[in-house]
């Protein structure tokens, strides 16, 4: 009975290309998370103290969100 090798090595530069694309997608994901937190903080900053109290927050809590 003969054994056949079915795995092949990755083409030249494939690993480097994969790592570069992965790093770039991580940068975009990090930016998206940062932007979502920024938009949330901006919306909460527009609320009055009474509205913030209704949802259980105070002005000092706003800057701590998303960090």
PDB file of N, CA and C in Angstrom:
ATOM      1  N   UNK A   1       0.841  -1.166   0.000  1.00  0.00           N
ATOM      2  CA  UNK A   1       0.000   0.000   0.000  1.00  0.00           C
ATOM      3  C   UNK A   1       0.895   1.241   0.000  1.00  0.00           C
ATOM      4  N   UNK A   2       0.575   2.206  -0.831  1.00  0.00           N
ATOM      5  CA  UNK A   2       1.386   3.414  -0.969  1.00  0.00           C
ATOM      6  C   UNK A   2       0.751   4.572  -0.204  1.00  0.00           C
ATOM      7  N   UNK A   3       1.590   5.389   0.376  1.00  0.00           N
ATOM      8  CA  UNK A   3       1.122   6.589   1.072  1.00  0.00           C
ATOM      9  C   UNK A   3       1.308   7.790   0.150  1.00  0.00           C
ATOM     10  N   UNK A   4       0.293   8.623   0.088  1.00  0.00           N
ATOM     11  CA  UNK A   4       0.369   9.799  -0.773  1.00  0.00           C
ATOM     12  C   UNK A   4       0.360  11.047   0.107  1.00  0.00           C
ATOM     13  N   UNK A   5       1.310  11.915  -0.112  1.00  0.00           N
ATOM     14  CA  UNK A   5       1.394  13.175   0.623  1.00  0.00           C
ATOM     15  C   UNK A   5       0.458  14.184  -0.046  1.00  0.00           C
ATOM     16  N   UNK A   6      -0.542  14.654   0.708  1.00  0.00           N
ATOM     17  CA  UNK A   6      -1.529  15.563   0.113  1.00  0.00           C
ATOM     18  C   UNK A   6      -1.350  17.005   0.555  1.00  0.00           C
ATOM     19  N   UNK A   7      -0.474  17.263   1.516  1.00  0.00           N
ATOM     20  CA  UNK A   7      -0.284  18.644   1.958  1.00  0.00           C
ATOM     21  C   UNK A   7       0.813  19.301   1.119  1.00  0.00           C
ATOM     22  N   UNK A   8       0.643  20.593   0.884  1.00  0.00           N
ATOM     23  CA  UNK A   8       1.634  21.336   0.114  1.00  0.00           C
ATOM     24  C   UNK A   8       2.078  22.539   0.941  1.00  0.00           C
ATOM     25  N   UNK A   9       3.292  22.987   0.760  1.00  0.00           N
ATOM     26  CA  UNK A   9       3.728  24.190   1.472  1.00  0.00           C
ATOM     27  C   UNK A   9       3.016  25.422   0.904  1.00  0.00           C
ATOM     28  N   UNK A  10       2.895  26.427   1.734  1.00  0.00           N
ATOM     29  CA  UNK A  10       2.256  27.668   1.283  1.00  0.00           C
ATOM     30  C   UNK A  10       3.139  28.345   0.237  1.00  0.00           C
ATOM     31  N   UNK A  11       2.516  29.028  -0.716  1.00  0.00           N
ATOM     32  CA  UNK A  11       3.309  29.738  -1.726  1.00  0.00           C
ATOM     33  C   UNK A  11       4.186  30.809  -1.086  1.00  0.00           C
ATOM     34  N   UNK A  12       5.235  31.189  -1.789  1.00  0.00           N
ATOM     35  CA  UNK A  12       6.178  32.176  -1.286  1.00  0.00           C
ATOM     36  C   UNK A  12       5.458  33.486  -0.955  1.00  0.00           C
ATOM     37  N   UNK A  13       5.605  33.951   0.276  1.00  0.00           N
ATOM     38  CA  UNK A  13       5.030  35.218   0.693  1.00  0.00           C
ATOM     39  C   UNK A  13       3.605  35.137   1.199  1.00  0.00           C
ATOM     40  N   UNK A  14       2.996  33.970   1.176  1.00  0.00           N
ATOM     41  CA  UNK A  14       1.594  33.845   1.588  1.00  0.00           C
ATOM     42  C   UNK A  14       1.423  34.133   3.072  1.00  0.00           C
ATOM     43  N   UNK A  15       2.337  33.669   3.885  1.00  0.00           N
ATOM     44  CA  UNK A  15       2.247  33.881   5.332  1.00  0.00           C
ATOM     45  C   UNK A  15       2.409  35.370   5.647  1.00  0.00           C
ATOM     46  N   UNK A  16       3.372  36.010   4.995  1.00  0.00           N
ATOM     47  CA  UNK A  16       3.595  37.441   5.210  1.00  0.00           C
ATOM     48  C   UNK A  16       2.381  38.245   4.774  1.00  0.00           C
ATOM     49  N   UNK A  17       1.813  37.892   3.652  1.00  0.00           N
ATOM     50  CA  UNK A  17       0.620  38.588   3.159  1.00  0.00           C
ATOM     51  C   UNK A  17      -0.536  38.393   4.128  1.00  0.00           C
ATOM     52  N   UNK A  18      -0.715  37.191   4.617  1.00  0.00           N
ATOM     53  CA  UNK A  18      -1.776  36.912   5.586  1.00  0.00           C
ATOM     54  C   UNK A  18      -1.593  37.760   6.842  1.00  0.00           C
ATOM     55  N   UNK A  19      -0.375  37.820   7.350  1.00  0.00           N
ATOM     56  CA  UNK A  19      -0.111  38.601   8.565  1.00  0.00           C
ATOM     57  C   UNK A  19      -0.348  40.090   8.331  1.00  0.00           C
ATOM     58  N   UNK A  20       0.015  40.599   7.163  1.00  0.00           N
ATOM     59  CA  UNK A  20      -0.202  42.014   6.851  1.00  0.00           C
ATOM     60  C   UNK A  20      -1.691  42.330   6.766  1.00  0.00           C
ATOM     61  N   UNK A  21      -2.450  41.474   6.103  1.00  0.00           N
ATOM     62  CA  UNK A  21      -3.895  41.674   5.987  1.00  0.00           C
ATOM     63  C   UNK A  21      -4.546  41.570   7.356  1.00  0.00           C
ATOM     64  N   UNK A  22      -4.118  40.623   8.168  1.00  0.00           N
ATOM     65  CA  UNK A  22      -4.652  40.453   9.513  1.00  0.00           C
ATOM     66  C   UNK A  22      -4.352  41.679  10.379  1.00  0.00           C
ATOM     67  N   UNK A  23      -3.145  42.213  10.290  1.00  0.00           N
ATOM     68  CA  UNK A  23      -2.786  43.403  11.057  1.00  0.00           C
ATOM     69  C   UNK A  23      -3.624  44.597  10.615  1.00  0.00           C
ATOM     70  N   UNK A  24      -3.830  44.750   9.326  1.00  0.00           N
ATOM     71  CA  UNK A  24      -4.635  45.854   8.809  1.00  0.00           C
ATOM     72  C   UNK A  24      -6.089  45.730   9.260  1.00  0.00           C
ATOM     73  N   UNK A  25      -6.631  44.532   9.251  1.00  0.00           N
ATOM     74  CA  UNK A  25      -8.009  44.348   9.709  1.00  0.00           C
ATOM     75  C   UNK A  25      -8.123  44.612  11.210  1.00  0.00           C
ATOM     76  N   UNK A  26      -7.078  44.289  11.973  1.00  0.00           N
ATOM     77  CA  UNK A  26      -7.077  44.605  13.409  1.00  0.00           C
ATOM     78  C   UNK A  26      -7.074  46.108  13.636  1.00  0.00           C
ATOM     79  N   UNK A  27      -6.356  46.849  12.802  1.00  0.00           N
ATOM     80  CA  UNK A  27      -6.338  48.311  12.917  1.00  0.00           C
ATOM     81  C   UNK A  27      -7.732  48.862  12.658  1.00  0.00           C
ATOM     82  N   UNK A  28      -8.397  48.394  11.627  1.00  0.00           N
ATOM     83  CA  UNK A  28      -9.744  48.866  11.311  1.00  0.00           C
ATOM     84  C   UNK A  28     -10.739  48.480  12.408  1.00  0.00           C
ATOM     85  N   UNK A  29     -10.608  47.296  12.974  1.00  0.00           N
ATOM     86  CA  UNK A  29     -11.503  46.868  14.058  1.00  0.00           C
ATOM     87  C   UNK A  29     -11.289  47.728  15.301  1.00  0.00           C
ATOM     88  N   UNK A  30     -10.048  48.027  15.625  1.00  0.00           N
ATOM     89  CA  UNK A  30      -9.745  48.879  16.771  1.00  0.00           C
ATOM     90  C   UNK A  30     -10.314  50.278  16.564  1.00  0.00           C
ATOM     91  N   UNK A  31     -10.180  50.801  15.359  1.00  0.00           N
ATOM     92  CA  UNK A  31     -10.734  52.118  15.051  1.00  0.00           C
ATOM     93  C   UNK A  31     -12.252  52.114  15.181  1.00  0.00           C
ATOM     94  N   UNK A  32     -12.909  51.065  14.731  1.00  0.00           N
ATOM     95  CA  UNK A  32     -14.371  50.981  14.817  1.00  0.00           C
ATOM     96  C   UNK A  32     -14.830  50.964  16.273  1.00  0.00           C
ATOM     97  N   UNK A  33     -14.142  50.226  17.127  1.00  0.00           N
ATOM     98  CA  UNK A  33     -14.488  50.179  18.554  1.00  0.00           C
ATOM     99  C   UNK A  33     -14.291  51.551  19.186  1.00  0.00           C
ATOM    100  N   UNK A  34     -13.166  52.205  18.870  1.00  0.00           N
ATOM    101  CA  UNK A  34     -12.896  53.539  19.402  1.00  0.00           C
ATOM    102  C   UNK A  34     -13.976  54.525  18.958  1.00  0.00           C
ATOM    103  N   UNK A  35     -14.351  54.466  17.683  1.00  0.00           N
ATOM    104  CA  UNK A  35     -15.353  55.393  17.155  1.00  0.00           C
ATOM    105  C   UNK A  35     -16.721  55.157  17.795  1.00  0.00           C
ATOM    106  N   UNK A  36     -17.102  53.919  18.006  1.00  0.00           N
ATOM    107  CA  UNK A  36     -18.377  53.624  18.680  1.00  0.00           C
ATOM    108  C   UNK A  36     -18.401  54.209  20.090  1.00  0.00           C
ATOM    109  N   UNK A  37     -17.298  54.060  20.816  1.00  0.00           N
ATOM    110  CA  UNK A  37     -17.218  54.612  22.168  1.00  0.00           C
ATOM    111  C   UNK A  37     -17.269  56.141  22.126  1.00  0.00           C
ATOM    112  N   UNK A  38     -16.625  56.739  21.142  1.00  0.00           N
ATOM    113  CA  UNK A  38     -16.633  58.195  21.003  1.00  0.00           C
ATOM    114  C   UNK A  38     -18.042  58.713  20.740  1.00  0.00           C
ATOM    115  N   UNK A  39     -18.765  58.056  19.845  1.00  0.00           N
ATOM    116  CA  UNK A  39     -20.138  58.457  19.524  1.00  0.00           C
ATOM    117  C   UNK A  39     -21.034  58.306  20.756  1.00  0.00           C
ATOM    118  N   UNK A  40     -20.853  57.230  21.506  1.00  0.00           N
ATOM    119  CA  UNK A  40     -21.645  57.014  22.722  1.00  0.00           C
ATOM    120  C   UNK A  40     -21.369  58.098  23.751  1.00  0.00           C
ATOM    121  N   UNK A  41     -20.079  58.402  23.972  1.00  0.00           N
ATOM    122  CA  UNK A  41     -19.736  59.459  24.936  1.00  0.00           C
ATOM    123  C   UNK A  41     -20.309  60.807  24.509  1.00  0.00           C
ATOM    124  N   UNK A  42     -20.270  61.083  23.215  1.00  0.00           N
ATOM    125  CA  UNK A  42     -20.792  62.356  22.710  1.00  0.00           C
ATOM    126  C   UNK A  42     -22.304  62.454  22.930  1.00  0.00           C
ATOM    127  N   UNK A  43     -23.019  61.352  22.689  1.00  0.00           N
ATOM    128  CA  UNK A  43     -24.471  61.346  22.889  1.00  0.00           C
ATOM    129  C   UNK A  43     -24.815  61.482  24.370  1.00  0.00           C
ATOM    130  N   UNK A  44     -24.066  60.802  25.230  1.00  0.00           N
ATOM    131  CA  UNK A  44     -24.335  60.897  26.668  1.00  0.00           C
ATOM    132  C   UNK A  44     -24.014  62.294  27.201  1.00  0.00           C
ATOM    133  N   UNK A  45     -23.017  62.937  26.636  1.00  0.00           N
ATOM    134  CA  UNK A  45     -22.652  64.281  27.092  1.00  0.00           C
ATOM    135  C   UNK A  45     -23.757  65.290  26.805  1.00  0.00           C
ATOM    136  N   UNK A  46     -24.590  65.010  25.816  1.00  0.00           N
ATOM    137  CA  UNK A  46     -25.691  65.917  25.475  1.00  0.00           C
ATOM    138  C   UNK A  46     -26.878  65.793  26.428  1.00  0.00           C
ATOM    139  N   UNK A  47     -26.916  64.707  27.220  1.00  0.00           N
ATOM    140  CA  UNK A  47     -28.031  64.512  28.138  1.00  0.00           C
ATOM    141  C   UNK A  47     -27.906  65.424  29.352  1.00  0.00           C
ATOM    142  N   UNK A  48     -29.049  65.746  29.934  1.00  0.00           N
ATOM    143  CA  UNK A  48     -29.044  66.558  31.157  1.00  0.00           C
ATOM    144  C   UNK A  48     -28.634  65.682  32.342  1.00  0.00           C
ATOM    145  N   UNK A  49     -28.338  66.344  33.474  1.00  0.00           N
ATOM    146  CA  UNK A  49     -27.972  65.592  34.678  1.00  0.00           C
ATOM    147  C   UNK A  49     -29.121  64.697  35.140  1.00  0.00           C
ATOM    148  N   UNK A  50     -30.324  65.172  34.983  1.00  0.00           N
ATOM    149  CA  UNK A  50     -31.502  64.388  35.374  1.00  0.00           C
ATOM    150  C   UNK A  50     -31.626  63.132  34.507  1.00  0.00           C
ATOM    151  N   UNK A  51     -31.430  63.289  33.199  1.00  0.00           N
ATOM    152  CA  UNK A  51     -31.517  62.131  32.296  1.00  0.00           C
ATOM    153  C   UNK A  51     -30.402  61.127  32.586  1.00  0.00           C
ATOM    154  N   UNK A  52     -29.230  61.627  32.875  1.00  0.00           N
ATOM    155  CA  UNK A  52     -28.126  60.729  33.236  1.00  0.00           C
ATOM    156  C   UNK A  52     -28.430  59.979  34.527  1.00  0.00           C
ATOM    157  N   UNK A  53     -29.028  60.676  35.492  1.00  0.00           N
ATOM    158  CA  UNK A  53     -29.397  60.038  36.754  1.00  0.00           C
ATOM    159  C   UNK A  53     -30.445  58.953  36.523  1.00  0.00           C
ATOM    160  N   UNK A  54     -31.335  59.168  35.568  1.00  0.00           N
ATOM    161  CA  UNK A  54     -32.362  58.167  35.264  1.00  0.00           C
ATOM    162  C   UNK A  54     -31.754  56.856  34.767  1.00  0.00           C
ATOM    163  N   UNK A  55     -30.636  56.939  34.065  1.00  0.00           N
ATOM    164  CA  UNK A  55     -29.999  55.715  33.562  1.00  0.00           C
ATOM    165  C   UNK A  55     -28.847  55.258  34.453  1.00  0.00           C
ATOM    166  N   UNK A  56     -28.701  55.916  35.597  1.00  0.00           N
ATOM    167  CA  UNK A  56     -27.721  55.467  36.584  1.00  0.00           C
ATOM    168  C   UNK A  56     -26.303  55.927  36.337  1.00  0.00           C
ATOM    169  N   UNK A  57     -26.135  57.053  35.660  1.00  0.00           N
ATOM    170  CA  UNK A  57     -24.803  57.583  35.395  1.00  0.00           C
ATOM    171  C   UNK A  57     -24.673  58.994  35.933  1.00  0.00           C
ATOM    172  N   UNK A  58     -23.449  59.438  36.093  1.00  0.00           N
ATOM    173  CA  UNK A  58     -23.185  60.841  36.404  1.00  0.00           C
ATOM    174  C   UNK A  58     -22.180  61.341  35.364  1.00  0.00           C
ATOM    175  N   UNK A  59     -21.929  62.628  35.358  1.00  0.00           N
ATOM    176  CA  UNK A  59     -21.032  63.215  34.347  1.00  0.00           C
ATOM    177  C   UNK A  59     -19.645  62.569  34.375  1.00  0.00           C
ATOM    178  N   UNK A  60     -19.171  62.241  35.546  1.00  0.00           N
ATOM    179  CA  UNK A  60     -17.844  61.641  35.663  1.00  0.00           C
ATOM    180  C   UNK A  60     -17.749  60.247  35.066  1.00  0.00           C
ATOM    181  N   UNK A  61     -18.873  59.558  34.945  1.00  0.00           N
ATOM    182  CA  UNK A  61     -18.862  58.207  34.393  1.00  0.00           C
ATOM    183  C   UNK A  61     -18.724  58.193  32.875  1.00  0.00           C
ATOM    184  N   UNK A  62     -19.065  59.291  32.224  1.00  0.00           N
ATOM    185  CA  UNK A  62     -19.101  59.314  30.759  1.00  0.00           C
ATOM    186  C   UNK A  62     -17.709  59.055  30.176  1.00  0.00           C
ATOM    187  N   UNK A  63     -16.690  59.704  30.703  1.00  0.00           N
ATOM    188  CA  UNK A  63     -15.342  59.556  30.156  1.00  0.00           C
ATOM    189  C   UNK A  63     -14.777  58.156  30.380  1.00  0.00           C
ATOM    190  N   UNK A  64     -15.286  57.437  31.348  1.00  0.00           N
ATOM    191  CA  UNK A  64     -14.782  56.103  31.640  1.00  0.00           C
ATOM    192  C   UNK A  64     -15.371  55.036  30.719  1.00  0.00           C
ATOM    193  N   UNK A  65     -16.419  55.377  30.002  1.00  0.00           N
ATOM    194  CA  UNK A  65     -17.059  54.414  29.100  1.00  0.00           C
ATOM    195  C   UNK A  65     -16.184  54.154  27.891  1.00  0.00           C
ATOM    196  N   UNK A  66     -16.065  52.907  27.517  1.00  0.00           N
ATOM    197  CA  UNK A  66     -15.322  52.536  26.336  1.00  0.00           C
ATOM    198  C   UNK A  66     -13.819  52.471  26.534  1.00  0.00           C
ATOM    199  N   UNK A  67     -13.372  52.468  27.781  1.00  0.00           N
ATOM    200  CA  UNK A  67     -11.925  52.379  28.030  1.00  0.00           C
ATOM    201  C   UNK A  67     -11.591  51.156  28.781  1.00  0.00           C
TER     202      UNK A  67
END
